Amino acid sequence: MNRTYILIITIFTIIMSAVSCKDQKTYADYLKEETKAIDEFIVKNNL
C-alpha cells in the first residue's frame, strides 16, 4: 500500500513538471520582447 502511494505521487510529480516546463519562456524570448518594447518606446517618444 505504501509503495502504491509513492508510485502515484511520483507519476503525478513527473506529469506536473512536464506540463509546467512546456510553456516557459527562454531568456532569448525575454530579450526579444524587451528589445521590441524599447524600440516602440523610442518611436513613440521620437528619441
Protein backbone atom coordinates (compact mmCIF):
# COMPACT_ATOMS: atom_id res chain seq x y z
CA MET A 1 0.00 0.00 0.00
CA ASN A 2 2.82 2.37 0.87
CA ARG A 3 4.57 1.66 -2.45
CA THR A 4 1.35 2.44 -4.31
CA TYR A 5 1.16 5.91 -2.77
CA ILE A 6 4.80 6.60 -3.55
CA LEU A 7 4.30 5.45 -7.15
CA ILE A 8 1.20 7.62 -7.60
CA ILE A 9 2.93 10.67 -6.13
CA THR A 10 5.99 10.09 -8.32
CA ILE A 11 3.95 9.77 -11.51
CA PHE A 12 1.89 12.84 -10.60
CA THR A 13 5.06 14.85 -9.95
CA ILE A 14 6.62 13.83 -13.26
CA ILE A 15 3.45 14.72 -15.18
CA MET A 16 3.10 18.09 -13.45
CA SER A 17 6.73 19.03 -14.03
CA ALA A 18 6.46 18.08 -17.71
CA VAL A 19 3.34 20.21 -18.14
CA SER A 20 4.79 23.20 -16.31
CA CYS A 21 8.02 23.15 -18.33
CA LYS A 22 6.18 23.17 -21.62
CA ASP A 23 5.24 26.88 -21.73
CA GLN A 24 8.23 28.52 -20.11
CA LYS A 25 9.92 31.35 -21.97
CA THR A 26 13.61 31.28 -22.57
CA TYR A 27 15.95 34.14 -21.80
CA ALA A 28 16.18 34.85 -25.53
CA ASP A 29 12.39 35.28 -25.68
CA TYR A 30 12.52 37.82 -22.85
CA LEU A 31 15.30 39.70 -24.65
CA LYS A 32 13.29 39.82 -27.89
CA GLU A 33 10.26 41.21 -26.05
CA GLU A 34 12.41 43.76 -24.24
CA THR A 35 14.04 44.89 -27.50
CA LYS A 36 10.63 45.27 -29.12
CA ALA A 37 9.34 47.31 -26.17
CA ILE A 38 12.41 49.59 -26.25
CA ASP A 39 12.03 50.14 -30.00
CA GLU A 40 8.35 51.03 -29.56
CA PHE A 41 9.25 53.45 -26.74
CA ILE A 42 11.85 55.17 -28.93
CA VAL A 43 9.39 55.54 -31.82
CA LYS A 44 6.59 56.87 -29.59
CA ASN A 45 8.82 59.46 -27.92
CA ASN A 46 10.76 60.49 -31.05
CA LEU A 47 14.12 59.79 -29.46
